[in-house]
N, C-alpha and C. Protein backbone atom coordinates (compact mmCIF):
# COMPACT_ATOMS: atom_id res chain seq x y z
N MET A 1 61.27 32.09 -44.95
CA MET A 1 60.81 31.87 -43.59
C MET A 1 59.44 32.48 -43.37
N HIS A 2 59.20 33.67 -43.95
CA HIS A 2 57.95 34.38 -43.75
C HIS A 2 56.77 33.62 -44.37
N ILE A 3 57.00 32.91 -45.44
CA ILE A 3 55.94 32.13 -46.09
C ILE A 3 55.77 30.79 -45.39
N PHE A 4 56.83 30.22 -44.90
CA PHE A 4 56.81 28.90 -44.28
C PHE A 4 55.99 28.86 -42.99
N LEU A 5 56.13 29.85 -42.14
CA LEU A 5 55.45 29.87 -40.85
C LEU A 5 53.92 29.89 -40.98
N PRO A 6 53.31 30.75 -41.79
CA PRO A 6 51.85 30.70 -41.95
C PRO A 6 51.36 29.37 -42.53
N CYS A 7 52.12 28.82 -43.47
CA CYS A 7 51.75 27.51 -44.05
C CYS A 7 51.77 26.43 -42.98
N LEU A 8 52.77 26.46 -42.13
CA LEU A 8 52.88 25.49 -41.05
C LEU A 8 51.71 25.61 -40.07
N VAL A 9 51.37 26.83 -39.69
CA VAL A 9 50.26 27.08 -38.77
C VAL A 9 48.95 26.58 -39.37
N ILE A 10 48.69 26.90 -40.62
CA ILE A 10 47.46 26.46 -41.30
C ILE A 10 47.41 24.94 -41.38
N THR A 11 48.52 24.31 -41.70
CA THR A 11 48.57 22.85 -41.79
C THR A 11 48.27 22.21 -40.44
N VAL A 12 48.84 22.73 -39.39
CA VAL A 12 48.60 22.19 -38.04
C VAL A 12 47.14 22.37 -37.64
N VAL A 13 46.56 23.53 -37.89
CA VAL A 13 45.16 23.79 -37.53
C VAL A 13 44.24 22.87 -38.30
N ILE A 14 44.44 22.73 -39.59
CA ILE A 14 43.60 21.84 -40.40
C ILE A 14 43.77 20.39 -39.94
N GLY A 15 44.99 20.02 -39.62
CA GLY A 15 45.24 18.67 -39.14
C GLY A 15 44.52 18.37 -37.84
N LEU A 16 44.52 19.31 -36.93
CA LEU A 16 43.87 19.11 -35.63
C LEU A 16 42.35 19.16 -35.73
N LEU A 17 41.82 20.07 -36.50
CA LEU A 17 40.38 20.22 -36.61
C LEU A 17 39.75 19.23 -37.57
N GLY A 18 40.49 18.72 -38.49
CA GLY A 18 39.94 17.83 -39.50
C GLY A 18 40.01 16.37 -39.17
N GLN A 19 40.42 16.01 -37.97
CA GLN A 19 40.58 14.61 -37.61
C GLN A 19 39.33 13.94 -37.10
N ASP A 20 38.26 14.66 -36.91
CA ASP A 20 37.07 14.11 -36.26
C ASP A 20 36.55 12.86 -36.95
N ASP A 21 36.30 12.92 -38.26
CA ASP A 21 35.76 11.77 -38.96
C ASP A 21 36.76 10.64 -39.09
N TYR A 22 38.06 10.97 -39.10
CA TYR A 22 39.07 9.94 -39.25
C TYR A 22 39.26 9.13 -37.96
N SER A 23 38.93 9.70 -36.82
CA SER A 23 39.08 8.97 -35.57
C SER A 23 37.85 8.11 -35.28
N ARG A 24 36.78 8.35 -36.02
CA ARG A 24 35.56 7.57 -35.84
C ARG A 24 35.55 6.41 -36.83
N ALA A 25 35.14 5.23 -36.36
CA ALA A 25 35.06 4.07 -37.24
C ALA A 25 33.85 4.20 -38.15
N SER A 26 34.07 4.00 -39.43
CA SER A 26 32.99 4.05 -40.41
C SER A 26 32.24 2.73 -40.37
N ILE A 27 30.97 2.77 -39.95
CA ILE A 27 30.15 1.58 -39.82
C ILE A 27 29.03 1.63 -40.85
N LEU A 28 28.95 0.60 -41.68
CA LEU A 28 27.94 0.52 -42.71
C LEU A 28 26.80 -0.37 -42.21
N TYR A 29 25.58 -0.05 -42.61
CA TYR A 29 24.46 -0.89 -42.17
C TYR A 29 23.35 -0.91 -43.21
N VAL A 30 22.56 -1.99 -43.15
CA VAL A 30 21.34 -2.13 -43.95
C VAL A 30 20.22 -2.37 -42.95
N ASP A 31 19.18 -1.57 -43.02
CA ASP A 31 18.03 -1.73 -42.12
C ASP A 31 16.87 -2.29 -42.92
N LYS A 32 16.69 -3.63 -42.84
CA LYS A 32 15.59 -4.28 -43.55
C LYS A 32 14.29 -4.22 -42.76
N ASP A 33 14.38 -3.80 -41.51
CA ASP A 33 13.21 -3.77 -40.63
C ASP A 33 12.50 -2.42 -40.68
N GLY A 34 13.21 -1.38 -40.40
CA GLY A 34 12.64 -0.04 -40.40
C GLY A 34 11.69 0.23 -39.24
N GLY A 35 11.69 -0.65 -38.26
CA GLY A 35 10.79 -0.50 -37.12
C GLY A 35 11.39 0.33 -36.01
N ILE A 36 10.63 0.45 -34.93
CA ILE A 36 11.04 1.27 -33.79
C ILE A 36 12.30 0.70 -33.11
N ALA A 37 12.41 -0.62 -33.07
CA ALA A 37 13.57 -1.22 -32.41
C ALA A 37 14.85 -0.97 -33.21
N SER A 38 14.75 -1.06 -34.52
CA SER A 38 15.95 -0.79 -35.32
C SER A 38 16.33 0.68 -35.23
N GLN A 39 15.34 1.57 -35.17
CA GLN A 39 15.64 3.00 -35.00
C GLN A 39 16.29 3.26 -33.65
N PHE A 40 15.83 2.58 -32.61
CA PHE A 40 16.43 2.70 -31.28
C PHE A 40 17.90 2.30 -31.32
N LEU A 41 18.18 1.15 -31.93
CA LEU A 41 19.55 0.65 -32.01
C LEU A 41 20.42 1.61 -32.82
N LEU A 42 19.92 2.07 -33.95
CA LEU A 42 20.70 2.98 -34.79
C LEU A 42 20.95 4.32 -34.08
N ASN A 43 19.95 4.81 -33.35
CA ASN A 43 20.13 6.05 -32.60
C ASN A 43 21.17 5.89 -31.50
N GLU A 44 21.15 4.76 -30.82
CA GLU A 44 22.14 4.49 -29.77
C GLU A 44 23.55 4.48 -30.35
N LEU A 45 23.71 3.83 -31.51
CA LEU A 45 25.03 3.76 -32.13
C LEU A 45 25.45 5.11 -32.70
N ALA A 46 24.51 5.84 -33.27
CA ALA A 46 24.82 7.15 -33.84
C ALA A 46 25.22 8.16 -32.76
N ASP A 47 24.69 8.00 -31.55
CA ASP A 47 25.03 8.89 -30.45
C ASP A 47 26.44 8.66 -29.92
N SER A 48 27.03 7.54 -30.29
CA SER A 48 28.38 7.22 -29.84
C SER A 48 29.40 8.02 -30.63
N PRO A 49 30.35 8.62 -29.95
CA PRO A 49 31.39 9.37 -30.67
C PRO A 49 32.37 8.46 -31.40
N ASP A 50 32.24 7.15 -31.22
CA ASP A 50 33.17 6.20 -31.82
C ASP A 50 32.83 5.84 -33.25
N TYR A 51 31.57 6.06 -33.67
CA TYR A 51 31.12 5.56 -34.97
C TYR A 51 30.58 6.66 -35.87
N LEU A 52 30.77 6.44 -37.15
CA LEU A 52 30.16 7.25 -38.19
C LEU A 52 29.31 6.28 -39.00
N LEU A 53 27.99 6.28 -38.78
CA LEU A 53 27.10 5.33 -39.44
C LEU A 53 26.78 5.78 -40.86
N LYS A 54 26.76 4.81 -41.77
CA LYS A 54 26.40 5.08 -43.17
C LYS A 54 25.43 4.00 -43.62
N GLU A 55 24.24 4.41 -44.02
CA GLU A 55 23.24 3.45 -44.49
C GLU A 55 23.57 3.03 -45.92
N ILE A 56 23.44 1.73 -46.18
CA ILE A 56 23.67 1.15 -47.49
C ILE A 56 22.35 0.53 -47.95
N ASP A 57 22.12 0.54 -49.26
CA ASP A 57 20.83 0.11 -49.80
C ASP A 57 20.55 -1.38 -49.65
N ASN A 58 21.56 -2.23 -49.87
CA ASN A 58 21.30 -3.68 -49.82
C ASN A 58 22.54 -4.44 -49.35
N GLU A 59 22.31 -5.71 -49.09
CA GLU A 59 23.36 -6.55 -48.51
C GLU A 59 24.55 -6.73 -49.46
N ALA A 60 24.28 -6.87 -50.76
CA ALA A 60 25.36 -7.07 -51.72
C ALA A 60 26.28 -5.84 -51.76
N ASP A 61 25.70 -4.65 -51.75
CA ASP A 61 26.51 -3.42 -51.74
C ASP A 61 27.31 -3.31 -50.45
N LEU A 62 26.70 -3.71 -49.33
CA LEU A 62 27.39 -3.66 -48.04
C LEU A 62 28.61 -4.57 -48.07
N ARG A 63 28.43 -5.81 -48.55
CA ARG A 63 29.57 -6.75 -48.62
C ARG A 63 30.67 -6.20 -49.53
N GLU A 64 30.27 -5.63 -50.67
CA GLU A 64 31.24 -5.09 -51.61
C GLU A 64 32.04 -3.94 -50.98
N LYS A 65 31.37 -3.09 -50.24
CA LYS A 65 32.05 -1.96 -49.60
C LYS A 65 32.97 -2.42 -48.47
N ILE A 66 32.57 -3.45 -47.73
CA ILE A 66 33.44 -3.97 -46.67
C ILE A 66 34.68 -4.60 -47.28
N VAL A 67 34.50 -5.40 -48.34
CA VAL A 67 35.64 -6.03 -49.01
C VAL A 67 36.55 -4.96 -49.61
N GLY A 68 35.97 -3.86 -50.11
CA GLY A 68 36.75 -2.76 -50.66
C GLY A 68 37.34 -1.85 -49.60
N ASP A 69 37.18 -2.22 -48.34
CA ASP A 69 37.72 -1.48 -47.20
C ASP A 69 37.17 -0.05 -47.11
N HIS A 70 35.85 0.08 -47.38
CA HIS A 70 35.19 1.37 -47.25
C HIS A 70 34.48 1.52 -45.91
N GLY A 71 34.69 0.59 -45.01
CA GLY A 71 34.10 0.64 -43.69
C GLY A 71 34.82 -0.32 -42.76
N ALA A 72 34.85 0.03 -41.47
CA ALA A 72 35.50 -0.85 -40.49
C ALA A 72 34.70 -2.12 -40.28
N ALA A 73 33.37 -1.99 -40.37
CA ALA A 73 32.47 -3.13 -40.18
C ALA A 73 31.12 -2.77 -40.76
N GLY A 74 30.29 -3.77 -40.88
CA GLY A 74 28.93 -3.57 -41.36
C GLY A 74 28.00 -4.54 -40.68
N PHE A 75 26.73 -4.18 -40.62
CA PHE A 75 25.75 -5.09 -40.05
C PHE A 75 24.42 -4.93 -40.75
N ILE A 76 23.62 -5.98 -40.65
CA ILE A 76 22.30 -5.99 -41.28
C ILE A 76 21.26 -6.23 -40.21
N ILE A 77 20.32 -5.31 -40.12
CA ILE A 77 19.18 -5.48 -39.22
C ILE A 77 18.12 -6.24 -40.03
N PRO A 78 17.78 -7.46 -39.61
CA PRO A 78 16.89 -8.28 -40.43
C PRO A 78 15.44 -7.81 -40.41
N GLU A 79 14.71 -8.24 -41.41
CA GLU A 79 13.28 -7.99 -41.46
C GLU A 79 12.63 -8.69 -40.26
N GLY A 80 11.68 -8.05 -39.63
CA GLY A 80 11.01 -8.64 -38.47
C GLY A 80 11.77 -8.43 -37.16
N PHE A 81 12.81 -7.62 -37.19
CA PHE A 81 13.64 -7.36 -36.01
C PHE A 81 12.80 -6.82 -34.85
N THR A 82 11.99 -5.81 -35.12
CA THR A 82 11.15 -5.20 -34.08
C THR A 82 10.14 -6.20 -33.54
N ASP A 83 9.49 -6.94 -34.44
CA ASP A 83 8.49 -7.93 -34.01
C ASP A 83 9.11 -9.01 -33.13
N ASP A 84 10.31 -9.46 -33.50
CA ASP A 84 11.00 -10.48 -32.68
C ASP A 84 11.29 -9.95 -31.28
N LEU A 85 11.78 -8.72 -31.21
CA LEU A 85 12.07 -8.15 -29.90
C LEU A 85 10.80 -7.96 -29.07
N MET A 86 9.73 -7.55 -29.73
CA MET A 86 8.46 -7.34 -29.03
C MET A 86 7.91 -8.66 -28.48
N SER A 87 8.22 -9.76 -29.17
CA SER A 87 7.74 -11.06 -28.70
C SER A 87 8.65 -11.67 -27.63
N GLY A 88 9.77 -10.98 -27.35
CA GLY A 88 10.64 -11.45 -26.27
C GLY A 88 11.87 -12.20 -26.73
N SER A 89 11.99 -12.48 -28.02
CA SER A 89 13.19 -13.17 -28.49
C SER A 89 14.23 -12.15 -28.96
N ILE A 90 15.46 -12.55 -28.92
CA ILE A 90 16.55 -11.67 -29.35
C ILE A 90 16.98 -12.12 -30.74
N PRO A 91 16.69 -11.30 -31.74
CA PRO A 91 17.05 -11.68 -33.12
C PRO A 91 18.55 -11.58 -33.35
N SER A 92 19.01 -12.29 -34.36
CA SER A 92 20.43 -12.21 -34.68
C SER A 92 20.66 -11.12 -35.71
N ILE A 93 21.74 -10.42 -35.54
CA ILE A 93 22.16 -9.38 -36.48
C ILE A 93 23.40 -9.89 -37.17
N ARG A 94 23.35 -9.93 -38.49
CA ARG A 94 24.49 -10.41 -39.27
C ARG A 94 25.53 -9.29 -39.36
N MET A 95 26.77 -9.61 -39.01
CA MET A 95 27.85 -8.62 -39.04
C MET A 95 28.88 -9.02 -40.08
N TYR A 96 29.46 -8.01 -40.71
CA TYR A 96 30.53 -8.20 -41.69
C TYR A 96 31.73 -7.37 -41.26
N GLU A 97 32.88 -7.99 -41.36
CA GLU A 97 34.13 -7.26 -41.11
C GLU A 97 35.24 -7.96 -41.88
N LEU A 98 36.08 -7.17 -42.50
CA LEU A 98 37.19 -7.74 -43.27
C LEU A 98 38.32 -8.14 -42.33
N LYS A 99 38.52 -7.32 -41.32
CA LYS A 99 39.53 -7.61 -40.30
C LYS A 99 39.00 -7.08 -38.97
N ILE A 100 39.41 -7.71 -37.92
CA ILE A 100 38.97 -7.28 -36.61
C ILE A 100 39.73 -6.01 -36.25
N SER A 101 38.96 -4.98 -35.93
CA SER A 101 39.55 -3.71 -35.52
C SER A 101 38.90 -3.29 -34.21
N GLU A 102 39.42 -2.26 -33.62
CA GLU A 102 38.82 -1.76 -32.39
C GLU A 102 37.37 -1.33 -32.64
N GLY A 103 37.14 -0.68 -33.77
CA GLY A 103 35.79 -0.21 -34.10
C GLY A 103 34.81 -1.36 -34.29
N SER A 104 35.22 -2.41 -35.00
CA SER A 104 34.31 -3.53 -35.24
C SER A 104 34.07 -4.33 -33.96
N TYR A 105 35.09 -4.45 -33.13
CA TYR A 105 34.94 -5.19 -31.88
C TYR A 105 34.01 -4.45 -30.90
N THR A 106 34.20 -3.14 -30.77
CA THR A 106 33.33 -2.38 -29.85
C THR A 106 31.91 -2.30 -30.40
N LEU A 107 31.76 -2.29 -31.72
CA LEU A 107 30.42 -2.32 -32.32
C LEU A 107 29.69 -3.60 -31.92
N ARG A 108 30.37 -4.72 -32.04
CA ARG A 108 29.77 -6.01 -31.68
C ARG A 108 29.36 -5.99 -30.19
N LEU A 109 30.22 -5.47 -29.33
CA LEU A 109 29.89 -5.41 -27.90
C LEU A 109 28.69 -4.50 -27.63
N LYS A 110 28.64 -3.35 -28.30
CA LYS A 110 27.52 -2.42 -28.07
C LYS A 110 26.20 -3.02 -28.53
N ILE A 111 26.21 -3.68 -29.67
CA ILE A 111 24.98 -4.32 -30.16
C ILE A 111 24.55 -5.40 -29.18
N MET A 112 25.49 -6.22 -28.73
CA MET A 112 25.15 -7.29 -27.78
C MET A 112 24.64 -6.71 -26.46
N ARG A 113 25.13 -5.53 -26.07
CA ARG A 113 24.70 -4.91 -24.84
C ARG A 113 23.31 -4.28 -24.97
N HIS A 114 23.02 -3.68 -26.11
CA HIS A 114 21.75 -2.97 -26.28
C HIS A 114 20.57 -3.89 -26.56
N LEU A 115 20.77 -5.01 -27.24
CA LEU A 115 19.64 -5.87 -27.57
C LEU A 115 18.93 -6.43 -26.33
N PRO A 116 19.64 -7.02 -25.40
CA PRO A 116 18.93 -7.50 -24.20
C PRO A 116 18.28 -6.36 -23.41
N LYS A 117 18.91 -5.19 -23.39
CA LYS A 117 18.35 -4.05 -22.68
C LYS A 117 17.01 -3.66 -23.31
N TYR A 118 16.96 -3.61 -24.62
CA TYR A 118 15.73 -3.25 -25.30
C TYR A 118 14.67 -4.33 -25.10
N CYS A 119 15.11 -5.60 -25.16
CA CYS A 119 14.18 -6.71 -24.96
C CYS A 119 13.60 -6.65 -23.55
N HIS A 120 14.42 -6.31 -22.55
CA HIS A 120 13.97 -6.19 -21.16
C HIS A 120 12.96 -5.05 -21.02
N ARG A 121 13.20 -3.93 -21.70
CA ARG A 121 12.26 -2.80 -21.65
C ARG A 121 10.91 -3.21 -22.22
N GLN A 122 10.93 -3.94 -23.33
CA GLN A 122 9.67 -4.37 -23.94
C GLN A 122 8.93 -5.33 -23.01
N ALA A 123 9.67 -6.21 -22.35
CA ALA A 123 9.04 -7.15 -21.42
C ALA A 123 8.42 -6.38 -20.26
N SER A 124 9.09 -5.35 -19.78
CA SER A 124 8.57 -4.53 -18.69
C SER A 124 7.30 -3.80 -19.12
N ILE A 125 7.28 -3.31 -20.35
CA ILE A 125 6.09 -2.62 -20.86
C ILE A 125 4.93 -3.60 -20.96
N LYS A 126 5.19 -4.82 -21.44
CA LYS A 126 4.13 -5.82 -21.56
C LYS A 126 3.58 -6.18 -20.19
N LEU A 127 4.45 -6.31 -19.19
CA LEU A 127 3.99 -6.65 -17.84
C LEU A 127 3.15 -5.52 -17.24
N ALA A 128 3.48 -4.29 -17.57
CA ALA A 128 2.75 -3.14 -17.03
C ALA A 128 1.37 -3.00 -17.65
N GLN A 129 1.17 -3.54 -18.84
CA GLN A 129 -0.11 -3.38 -19.53
C GLN A 129 -1.19 -4.25 -18.98
């Protein structure tokens, strides 16, 4: 009994404190743009307590990791993303998901919510100039 109680307490504490990354959806991404708009989007998503963002080198690796179930979802920020937003058009972001989960669904909603907001900010800046 004397050995069992400390082991139980340690197990419970580790279980409670170690759950942070497991409750966050692992989101994989490839940033082919590297511009200010893609950084804005990535910062917005990284600030969310719902996601753990992981950058992947290329699209093939991203697809392989999604199929291998190493992430809840993945997306690719295309080349020219910042330029398209600056010109007023909303570029498409390619998303990958093996199965629809809460993390992948909310990711899609957040991206759809942030793109028009960023596009509107750029339009406001252009009008002010």
